[in-house]
Amino acid sequence: MITASNFFLAIAIFSALGGVVPAMMIIGILHKRGVKINWLWLRWLIIYKYLDQYRDITRDENGRTGPLYYAFLIAMNMALVFAIIGLVLRAL
């Protein structure tokens, strides 16, 4: 079970790293649009503030939410699910 646990935890880490790319692209797009970015609190504000701002800006411009929004959410949710699976398998 430890091998399976390590496998799922590795997938969780790669999924979380895969979420960093869309997050930085979202920050770049917001910066180009004139949104002031707080670099010190970036880790926490990407979830609460900047992700919503990106969704609102892309909806206003295109009429639908931008693809980076979903890429970030899917990557982070996958990281959460695989981490939970890995930790449960490790506990067994």
PDB file of N, CA and C in Angstrom:
ATOM      1  N   MET A   1       0.809  -1.202   0.000  1.00  0.00           N
ATOM      2  CA  MET A   1       0.000   0.000   0.000  1.00  0.00           C
ATOM      3  C   MET A   1       0.851   1.265   0.000  1.00  0.00           C
ATOM      4  N   ILE A   2       2.059   1.146   0.547  1.00  0.00           N
ATOM      5  CA  ILE A   2       2.927   2.317   0.594  1.00  0.00           C
ATOM      6  C   ILE A   2       3.301   2.765  -0.811  1.00  0.00           C
ATOM      7  N   THR A   3       3.515   1.825  -1.723  1.00  0.00           N
ATOM      8  CA  THR A   3       3.857   2.178  -3.098  1.00  0.00           C
ATOM      9  C   THR A   3       2.713   2.927  -3.763  1.00  0.00           C
ATOM     10  N   ALA A   4       1.499   2.438  -3.575  1.00  0.00           N
ATOM     11  CA  ALA A   4       0.330   3.120  -4.141  1.00  0.00           C
ATOM     12  C   ALA A   4       0.153   4.490  -3.503  1.00  0.00           C
ATOM     13  N   SER A   5       0.390   4.562  -2.201  1.00  0.00           N
ATOM     14  CA  SER A   5       0.290   5.843  -1.498  1.00  0.00           C
ATOM     15  C   SER A   5       1.293   6.845  -2.048  1.00  0.00           C
ATOM     16  N   ASN A   6       2.525   6.416  -2.226  1.00  0.00           N
ATOM     17  CA  ASN A   6       3.555   7.306  -2.768  1.00  0.00           C
ATOM     18  C   ASN A   6       3.220   7.746  -4.189  1.00  0.00           C
ATOM     19  N   PHE A   7       2.634   6.843  -4.964  1.00  0.00           N
ATOM     20  CA  PHE A   7       2.240   7.173  -6.326  1.00  0.00           C
ATOM     21  C   PHE A   7       1.189   8.286  -6.331  1.00  0.00           C
ATOM     22  N   PHE A   8       0.154   8.145  -5.505  1.00  0.00           N
ATOM     23  CA  PHE A   8      -0.894   9.155  -5.457  1.00  0.00           C
ATOM     24  C   PHE A   8      -0.385  10.477  -4.888  1.00  0.00           C
ATOM     25  N   LEU A   9       0.514  10.410  -3.919  1.00  0.00           N
ATOM     26  CA  LEU A   9       1.077  11.648  -3.374  1.00  0.00           C
ATOM     27  C   LEU A   9       1.961  12.347  -4.410  1.00  0.00           C
ATOM     28  N   ALA A  10       2.664  11.592  -5.220  1.00  0.00           N
ATOM     29  CA  ALA A  10       3.471  12.187  -6.288  1.00  0.00           C
ATOM     30  C   ALA A  10       2.573  12.860  -7.327  1.00  0.00           C
ATOM     31  N   ILE A  11       1.470  12.213  -7.673  1.00  0.00           N
ATOM     32  CA  ILE A  11       0.523  12.830  -8.608  1.00  0.00           C
ATOM     33  C   ILE A  11      -0.047  14.111  -8.009  1.00  0.00           C
ATOM     34  N   ALA A  12      -0.307  14.105  -6.707  1.00  0.00           N
ATOM     35  CA  ALA A  12      -0.822  15.303  -6.040  1.00  0.00           C
ATOM     36  C   ALA A  12       0.183  16.452  -6.119  1.00  0.00           C
ATOM     37  N   ILE A  13       1.439  16.141  -5.934  1.00  0.00           N
ATOM     38  CA  ILE A  13       2.472  17.185  -6.011  1.00  0.00           C
ATOM     39  C   ILE A  13       2.574  17.736  -7.426  1.00  0.00           C
ATOM     40  N   PHE A  14       2.553  16.867  -8.423  1.00  0.00           N
ATOM     41  CA  PHE A  14       2.624  17.331  -9.808  1.00  0.00           C
ATOM     42  C   PHE A  14       1.382  18.116 -10.202  1.00  0.00           C
ATOM     43  N   SER A  15       0.233  17.746  -9.673  1.00  0.00           N
ATOM     44  CA  SER A  15      -0.990  18.498  -9.949  1.00  0.00           C
ATOM     45  C   SER A  15      -0.911  19.894  -9.338  1.00  0.00           C
ATOM     46  N   ALA A  16      -0.395  19.980  -8.129  1.00  0.00           N
ATOM     47  CA  ALA A  16      -0.249  21.287  -7.486  1.00  0.00           C
ATOM     48  C   ALA A  16       0.735  22.168  -8.252  1.00  0.00           C
ATOM     49  N   LEU A  17       1.824  21.561  -8.708  1.00  0.00           N
ATOM     50  CA  LEU A  17       2.777  22.322  -9.525  1.00  0.00           C
ATOM     51  C   LEU A  17       2.156  22.722 -10.854  1.00  0.00           C
ATOM     52  N   GLY A  18       1.280  21.880 -11.378  1.00  0.00           N
ATOM     53  CA  GLY A  18       0.571  22.209 -12.609  1.00  0.00           C
ATOM     54  C   GLY A  18      -0.411  23.354 -12.422  1.00  0.00           C
ATOM     55  N   GLY A  19      -0.831  23.605 -11.213  1.00  0.00           N
ATOM     56  CA  GLY A  19      -1.706  24.736 -10.931  1.00  0.00           C
ATOM     57  C   GLY A  19      -0.961  26.047 -10.815  1.00  0.00           C
ATOM     58  N   VAL A  20       0.344  25.975 -10.596  1.00  0.00           N
ATOM     59  CA  VAL A  20       1.145  27.189 -10.465  1.00  0.00           C
ATOM     60  C   VAL A  20       1.255  27.911 -11.810  1.00  0.00           C
ATOM     61  N   VAL A  21       1.348  27.174 -12.891  1.00  0.00           N
ATOM     62  CA  VAL A  21       1.489  27.780 -14.218  1.00  0.00           C
ATOM     63  C   VAL A  21       0.274  28.637 -14.579  1.00  0.00           C
ATOM     64  N   PRO A  22      -0.961  28.109 -14.488  1.00  0.00           N
ATOM     65  CA  PRO A  22      -2.105  28.981 -14.782  1.00  0.00           C
ATOM     66  C   PRO A  22      -2.223  30.148 -13.796  1.00  0.00           C
ATOM     67  N   ALA A  23      -1.818  29.920 -12.548  1.00  0.00           N
ATOM     68  CA  ALA A  23      -1.887  31.007 -11.560  1.00  0.00           C
ATOM     69  C   ALA A  23      -0.978  32.162 -11.969  1.00  0.00           C
ATOM     70  N   MET A  24       0.226  31.849 -12.394  1.00  0.00           N
ATOM     71  CA  MET A  24       1.146  32.912 -12.806  1.00  0.00           C
ATOM     72  C   MET A  24       0.684  33.569 -14.104  1.00  0.00           C
ATOM     73  N   MET A  25       0.066  32.792 -14.976  1.00  0.00           N
ATOM     74  CA  MET A  25      -0.463  33.384 -16.203  1.00  0.00           C
ATOM     75  C   MET A  25      -1.642  34.310 -15.891  1.00  0.00           C
ATOM     76  N   ILE A  26      -2.467  33.931 -14.929  1.00  0.00           N
ATOM     77  CA  ILE A  26      -3.572  34.789 -14.498  1.00  0.00           C
ATOM     78  C   ILE A  26      -3.034  36.087 -13.920  1.00  0.00           C
ATOM     79  N   ILE A  27      -1.997  35.988 -13.099  1.00  0.00           N
ATOM     80  CA  ILE A  27      -1.392  37.182 -12.510  1.00  0.00           C
ATOM     81  C   ILE A  27      -0.836  38.083 -13.616  1.00  0.00           C
ATOM     82  N   GLY A  28      -0.194  37.500 -14.623  1.00  0.00           N
ATOM     83  CA  GLY A  28       0.333  38.293 -15.733  1.00  0.00           C
ATOM     84  C   GLY A  28      -0.760  39.011 -16.497  1.00  0.00           C
ATOM     85  N   ILE A  29      -1.860  38.326 -16.737  1.00  0.00           N
ATOM     86  CA  ILE A  29      -2.976  38.942 -17.461  1.00  0.00           C
ATOM     87  C   ILE A  29      -3.582  40.074 -16.642  1.00  0.00           C
ATOM     88  N   LEU A  30      -3.760  39.853 -15.351  1.00  0.00           N
ATOM     89  CA  LEU A  30      -4.321  40.907 -14.504  1.00  0.00           C
ATOM     90  C   LEU A  30      -3.394  42.109 -14.427  1.00  0.00           C
ATOM     91  N   HIS A  31      -2.095  41.844 -14.357  1.00  0.00           N
ATOM     92  CA  HIS A  31      -1.117  42.940 -14.307  1.00  0.00           C
ATOM     93  C   HIS A  31      -1.178  43.783 -15.581  1.00  0.00           C
ATOM     94  N   LYS A  32      -1.321  43.131 -16.733  1.00  0.00           N
ATOM     95  CA  LYS A  32      -1.446  43.856 -18.006  1.00  0.00           C
ATOM     96  C   LYS A  32      -2.730  44.676 -18.061  1.00  0.00           C
ATOM     97  N   ARG A  33      -3.758  44.222 -17.374  1.00  0.00           N
ATOM     98  CA  ARG A  33      -5.039  44.940 -17.364  1.00  0.00           C
ATOM     99  C   ARG A  33      -5.067  46.071 -16.347  1.00  0.00           C
ATOM    100  N   GLY A  34      -3.971  46.251 -15.614  1.00  0.00           N
ATOM    101  CA  GLY A  34      -3.879  47.370 -14.681  1.00  0.00           C
ATOM    102  C   GLY A  34      -4.267  47.054 -13.248  1.00  0.00           C
ATOM    103  N   VAL A  35      -4.448  45.772 -12.937  1.00  0.00           N
ATOM    104  CA  VAL A  35      -4.763  45.386 -11.563  1.00  0.00           C
ATOM    105  C   VAL A  35      -3.471  45.381 -10.759  1.00  0.00           C
ATOM    106  N   LYS A  36      -3.491  46.068  -9.623  1.00  0.00           N
ATOM    107  CA  LYS A  36      -2.303  46.113  -8.772  1.00  0.00           C
ATOM    108  C   LYS A  36      -2.172  44.771  -8.053  1.00  0.00           C
ATOM    109  N   ILE A  37      -1.008  44.143  -8.181  1.00  0.00           N
ATOM    110  CA  ILE A  37      -0.757  42.822  -7.618  1.00  0.00           C
ATOM    111  C   ILE A  37       0.042  42.978  -6.334  1.00  0.00           C
ATOM    112  N   ASN A  38      -0.440  42.371  -5.262  1.00  0.00           N
ATOM    113  CA  ASN A  38       0.275  42.352  -3.994  1.00  0.00           C
ATOM    114  C   ASN A  38       1.150  41.090  -3.983  1.00  0.00           C
ATOM    115  N   TRP A  39       2.421  41.242  -4.286  1.00  0.00           N
ATOM    116  CA  TRP A  39       3.315  40.107  -4.433  1.00  0.00           C
ATOM    117  C   TRP A  39       3.603  39.423  -3.105  1.00  0.00           C
ATOM    118  N   LEU A  40       3.519  40.166  -2.006  1.00  0.00           N
ATOM    119  CA  LEU A  40       3.798  39.587  -0.695  1.00  0.00           C
ATOM    120  C   LEU A  40       2.739  38.562  -0.303  1.00  0.00           C
ATOM    121  N   TRP A  41       1.487  38.843  -0.580  1.00  0.00           N
ATOM    122  CA  TRP A  41       0.378  37.967  -0.205  1.00  0.00           C
ATOM    123  C   TRP A  41      -0.161  37.190  -1.398  1.00  0.00           C
ATOM    124  N   LEU A  42       0.632  37.019  -2.423  1.00  0.00           N
ATOM    125  CA  LEU A  42       0.173  36.382  -3.656  1.00  0.00           C
ATOM    126  C   LEU A  42      -0.363  34.978  -3.414  1.00  0.00           C
ATOM    127  N   ARG A  43       0.275  34.219  -2.574  1.00  0.00           N
ATOM    128  CA  ARG A  43      -0.128  32.832  -2.346  1.00  0.00           C
ATOM    129  C   ARG A  43      -1.577  32.740  -1.862  1.00  0.00           C
ATOM    130  N   TRP A  44      -1.976  33.628  -0.987  1.00  0.00           N
ATOM    131  CA  TRP A  44      -3.341  33.579  -0.448  1.00  0.00           C
ATOM    132  C   TRP A  44      -4.329  34.326  -1.320  1.00  0.00           C
ATOM    133  N   LEU A  45      -3.901  35.429  -1.919  1.00  0.00           N
ATOM    134  CA  LEU A  45      -4.830  36.248  -2.682  1.00  0.00           C
ATOM    135  C   LEU A  45      -5.194  35.649  -4.030  1.00  0.00           C
ATOM    136  N   ILE A  46      -4.364  34.757  -4.573  1.00  0.00           N
ATOM    137  CA  ILE A  46      -4.718  34.145  -5.856  1.00  0.00           C
ATOM    138  C   ILE A  46      -6.017  33.371  -5.724  1.00  0.00           C
ATOM    139  N   ILE A  47      -6.217  32.755  -4.584  1.00  0.00           N
ATOM    140  CA  ILE A  47      -7.422  31.957  -4.389  1.00  0.00           C
ATOM    141  C   ILE A  47      -8.647  32.834  -4.168  1.00  0.00           C
ATOM    142  N   TYR A  48      -8.506  33.856  -3.372  1.00  0.00           N
ATOM    143  CA  TYR A  48      -9.670  34.626  -2.952  1.00  0.00           C
ATOM    144  C   TYR A  48      -9.972  35.831  -3.825  1.00  0.00           C
ATOM    145  N   LYS A  49      -8.956  36.500  -4.290  1.00  0.00           N
ATOM    146  CA  LYS A  49      -9.174  37.780  -4.953  1.00  0.00           C
ATOM    147  C   LYS A  49      -8.884  37.732  -6.447  1.00  0.00           C
ATOM    148  N   TYR A  50      -7.697  37.314  -6.805  1.00  0.00           N
ATOM    149  CA  TYR A  50      -7.258  37.415  -8.192  1.00  0.00           C
ATOM    150  C   TYR A  50      -7.992  36.443  -9.111  1.00  0.00           C
ATOM    151  N   LEU A  51      -8.345  35.286  -8.602  1.00  0.00           N
ATOM    152  CA  LEU A  51      -9.077  34.324  -9.418  1.00  0.00           C
ATOM    153  C   LEU A  51     -10.459  34.871  -9.776  1.00  0.00           C
ATOM    154  N   ASP A  52     -11.115  35.488  -8.807  1.00  0.00           N
ATOM    155  CA  ASP A  52     -12.419  36.107  -9.081  1.00  0.00           C
ATOM    156  C   ASP A  52     -12.292  37.299 -10.028  1.00  0.00           C
ATOM    157  N   GLN A  53     -11.241  38.086  -9.851  1.00  0.00           N
ATOM    158  CA  GLN A  53     -11.041  39.223 -10.746  1.00  0.00           C
ATOM    159  C   GLN A  53     -10.801  38.754 -12.172  1.00  0.00           C
ATOM    160  N   TYR A  54     -10.007  37.699 -12.332  1.00  0.00           N
ATOM    161  CA  TYR A  54      -9.753  37.154 -13.669  1.00  0.00           C
ATOM    162  C   TYR A  54     -11.055  36.672 -14.293  1.00  0.00           C
ATOM    163  N   ARG A  55     -11.864  35.951 -13.526  1.00  0.00           N
ATOM    164  CA  ARG A  55     -13.139  35.457 -14.041  1.00  0.00           C
ATOM    165  C   ARG A  55     -14.036  36.615 -14.473  1.00  0.00           C
ATOM    166  N   ASP A  56     -14.118  37.659 -13.649  1.00  0.00           N
ATOM    167  CA  ASP A  56     -14.970  38.803 -13.982  1.00  0.00           C
ATOM    168  C   ASP A  56     -14.464  39.560 -15.205  1.00  0.00           C
ATOM    169  N   ILE A  57     -13.151  39.758 -15.304  1.00  0.00           N
ATOM    170  CA  ILE A  57     -12.580  40.490 -16.437  1.00  0.00           C
ATOM    171  C   ILE A  57     -12.795  39.722 -17.738  1.00  0.00           C
ATOM    172  N   THR A  58     -12.546  38.415 -17.709  1.00  0.00           N
ATOM    173  CA  THR A  58     -12.728  37.642 -18.945  1.00  0.00           C
ATOM    174  C   THR A  58     -14.201  37.542 -19.328  1.00  0.00           C
ATOM    175  N   ARG A  59     -15.082  37.492 -18.353  1.00  0.00           N
ATOM    176  CA  ARG A  59     -16.516  37.490 -18.671  1.00  0.00           C
ATOM    177  C   ARG A  59     -16.946  38.803 -19.298  1.00  0.00           C
ATOM    178  N   ASP A  60     -16.405  39.899 -18.786  1.00  0.00           N
ATOM    179  CA  ASP A  60     -16.747  41.209 -19.357  1.00  0.00           C
ATOM    180  C   ASP A  60     -16.214  41.354 -20.778  1.00  0.00           C
ATOM    181  N   GLU A  61     -15.023  40.842 -21.040  1.00  0.00           N
ATOM    182  CA  GLU A  61     -14.406  40.989 -22.356  1.00  0.00           C
ATOM    183  C   GLU A  61     -14.984  40.020 -23.390  1.00  0.00           C
ATOM    184  N   ASN A  62     -15.131  38.750 -23.007  1.00  0.00           N
ATOM    185  CA  ASN A  62     -15.498  37.713 -23.979  1.00  0.00           C
ATOM    186  C   ASN A  62     -16.905  37.166 -23.806  1.00  0.00           C
ATOM    187  N   GLY A  63     -17.526  37.443 -22.703  1.00  0.00           N
ATOM    188  CA  GLY A  63     -18.837  36.883 -22.438  1.00  0.00           C
ATOM    189  C   GLY A  63     -18.790  35.517 -21.775  1.00  0.00           C
ATOM    190  N   ARG A  64     -17.586  34.991 -21.549  1.00  0.00           N
ATOM    191  CA  ARG A  64     -17.436  33.714 -20.855  1.00  0.00           C
ATOM    192  C   ARG A  64     -16.142  33.700 -20.063  1.00  0.00           C
ATOM    193  N   THR A  65     -16.052  32.780 -19.149  1.00  0.00           N
ATOM    194  CA  THR A  65     -14.883  32.705 -18.278  1.00  0.00           C
ATOM    195  C   THR A  65     -13.679  32.185 -19.047  1.00  0.00           C
ATOM    196  N   GLY A  66     -12.508  32.753 -18.765  1.00  0.00           N
ATOM    197  CA  GLY A  66     -11.281  32.351 -19.442  1.00  0.00           C
ATOM    198  C   GLY A  66     -10.841  30.945 -19.072  1.00  0.00           C
ATOM    199  N   PRO A  67     -10.078  30.297 -19.941  1.00  0.00           N
ATOM    200  CA  PRO A  67      -9.681  28.902 -19.717  1.00  0.00           C
ATOM    201  C   PRO A  67      -8.704  28.718 -18.558  1.00  0.00           C
ATOM    202  N   LEU A  68      -7.942  29.739 -18.214  1.00  0.00           N
ATOM    203  CA  LEU A  68      -6.992  29.593 -17.120  1.00  0.00           C
ATOM    204  C   LEU A  68      -7.688  29.419 -15.774  1.00  0.00           C
ATOM    205  N   TYR A  69      -8.880  29.974 -15.665  1.00  0.00           N
ATOM    206  CA  TYR A  69      -9.665  29.827 -14.440  1.00  0.00           C
ATOM    207  C   TYR A  69      -9.941  28.344 -14.183  1.00  0.00           C
ATOM    208  N   TYR A  70     -10.415  27.664 -15.210  1.00  0.00           N
ATOM    209  CA  TYR A  70     -10.733  26.246 -15.059  1.00  0.00           C
ATOM    210  C   TYR A  70      -9.469  25.397 -14.933  1.00  0.00           C
ATOM    211  N   ALA A  71      -8.411  25.770 -15.623  1.00  0.00           N
ATOM    212  CA  ALA A  71      -7.157  25.023 -15.520  1.00  0.00           C
ATOM    213  C   ALA A  71      -6.631  25.061 -14.087  1.00  0.00           C
ATOM    214  N   PHE A  72      -6.705  26.233 -13.456  1.00  0.00           N
ATOM    215  CA  PHE A  72      -6.246  26.363 -12.076  1.00  0.00           C
ATOM    216  C   PHE A  72      -7.130  25.536 -11.138  1.00  0.00           C
ATOM    217  N   LEU A  73      -8.442  25.675 -11.280  1.00  0.00           N
ATOM    218  CA  LEU A  73      -9.350  24.953 -10.384  1.00  0.00           C
ATOM    219  C   LEU A  73      -9.226  23.435 -10.532  1.00  0.00           C
ATOM    220  N   ILE A  74      -9.114  22.965 -11.753  1.00  0.00           N
ATOM    221  CA  ILE A  74      -9.001  21.525 -11.975  1.00  0.00           C
ATOM    222  C   ILE A  74      -7.693  20.992 -11.395  1.00  0.00           C
ATOM    223  N   ALA A  75      -6.590  21.703 -11.618  1.00  0.00           N
ATOM    224  CA  ALA A  75      -5.291  21.251 -11.102  1.00  0.00           C
ATOM    225  C   ALA A  75      -5.290  21.210  -9.575  1.00  0.00           C
ATOM    226  N   MET A  76      -5.851  22.219  -8.942  1.00  0.00           N
ATOM    227  CA  MET A  76      -5.843  22.251  -7.481  1.00  0.00           C
ATOM    228  C   MET A  76      -6.806  21.219  -6.885  1.00  0.00           C
ATOM    229  N   ASN A  77      -7.928  21.007  -7.529  1.00  0.00           N
ATOM    230  CA  ASN A  77      -8.853  19.980  -7.035  1.00  0.00           C
ATOM    231  C   ASN A  77      -8.270  18.583  -7.213  1.00  0.00           C
ATOM    232  N   MET A  78      -7.572  18.372  -8.323  1.00  0.00           N
ATOM    233  CA  MET A  78      -6.910  17.084  -8.517  1.00  0.00           C
ATOM    234  C   MET A  78      -5.837  16.861  -7.452  1.00  0.00           C
ATOM    235  N   ALA A  79      -5.092  17.914  -7.136  1.00  0.00           N
ATOM    236  CA  ALA A  79      -4.066  17.800  -6.103  1.00  0.00           C
ATOM    237  C   ALA A  79      -4.698  17.431  -4.761  1.00  0.00           C
ATOM    238  N   LEU A  80      -5.808  18.045  -4.446  1.00  0.00           N
ATOM    239  CA  LEU A  80      -6.492  17.747  -3.187  1.00  0.00           C
ATOM    240  C   LEU A  80      -6.997  16.305  -3.158  1.00  0.00           C
ATOM    241  N   VAL A  81      -7.641  15.869  -4.205  1.00  0.00           N
ATOM    242  CA  VAL A  81      -8.200  14.518  -4.245  1.00  0.00           C
ATOM    243  C   VAL A  81      -7.091  13.469  -4.169  1.00  0.00           C
ATOM    244  N   PHE A  82      -6.037  13.645  -4.955  1.00  0.00           N
ATOM    245  CA  PHE A  82      -4.956  12.659  -4.940  1.00  0.00           C
ATOM    246  C   PHE A  82      -4.195  12.662  -3.625  1.00  0.00           C
ATOM    247  N   ALA A  83      -4.063  13.813  -2.991  1.00  0.00           N
ATOM    248  CA  ALA A  83      -3.403  13.863  -1.683  1.00  0.00           C
ATOM    249  C   ALA A  83      -4.240  13.117  -0.640  1.00  0.00           C
ATOM    250  N   ILE A  84      -5.530  13.301  -0.678  1.00  0.00           N
ATOM    251  CA  ILE A  84      -6.392  12.591   0.273  1.00  0.00           C
ATOM    252  C   ILE A  84      -6.317  11.076   0.047  1.00  0.00           C
ATOM    253  N   ILE A  85      -6.376  10.669  -1.224  1.00  0.00           N
ATOM    254  CA  ILE A  85      -6.271   9.233  -1.527  1.00  0.00           C
ATOM    255  C   ILE A  85      -4.946   8.683  -1.051  1.00  0.00           C
ATOM    256  N   GLY A  86      -3.861   9.410  -1.311  1.00  0.00           N
ATOM    257  CA  GLY A  86      -2.549   8.951  -0.883  1.00  0.00           C
ATOM    258  C   GLY A  86      -2.413   8.849   0.627  1.00  0.00           C
ATOM    259  N   LEU A  87      -2.967   9.804   1.338  1.00  0.00           N
ATOM    260  CA  LEU A  87      -2.889   9.771   2.789  1.00  0.00           C
ATOM    261  C   LEU A  87      -3.765   8.677   3.380  1.00  0.00           C
ATOM    262  N   VAL A  88      -4.912   8.444   2.791  1.00  0.00           N
ATOM    263  CA  VAL A  88      -5.775   7.343   3.271  1.00  0.00           C
ATOM    264  C   VAL A  88      -5.096   5.997   3.028  1.00  0.00           C
ATOM    265  N   LEU A  89      -4.497   5.820   1.851  1.00  0.00           N
ATOM    266  CA  LEU A  89      -3.808   4.560   1.575  1.00  0.00           C
ATOM    267  C   LEU A  89      -2.611   4.368   2.514  1.00  0.00           C
ATOM    268  N   ARG A  90      -1.959   5.424   2.863  1.00  0.00           N
ATOM    269  CA  ARG A  90      -0.823   5.324   3.767  1.00  0.00           C
ATOM    270  C   ARG A  90      -1.277   4.914   5.170  1.00  0.00           C
ATOM    271  N   ALA A  91      -2.460   5.372   5.570  1.00  0.00           N
ATOM    272  CA  ALA A  91      -2.973   5.053   6.898  1.00  0.00           C
ATOM    273  C   ALA A  91      -3.454   3.597   7.007  1.00  0.00           C
ATOM    274  N   LEU A  92      -3.756   2.986   5.872  1.00  0.00           N
ATOM    275  CA  LEU A  92      -4.260   1.600   5.926  1.00  0.00           C
ATOM    276  C   LEU A  92      -3.186   0.617   6.255  1.00  0.00           C
TER     277      LEU A  92
END
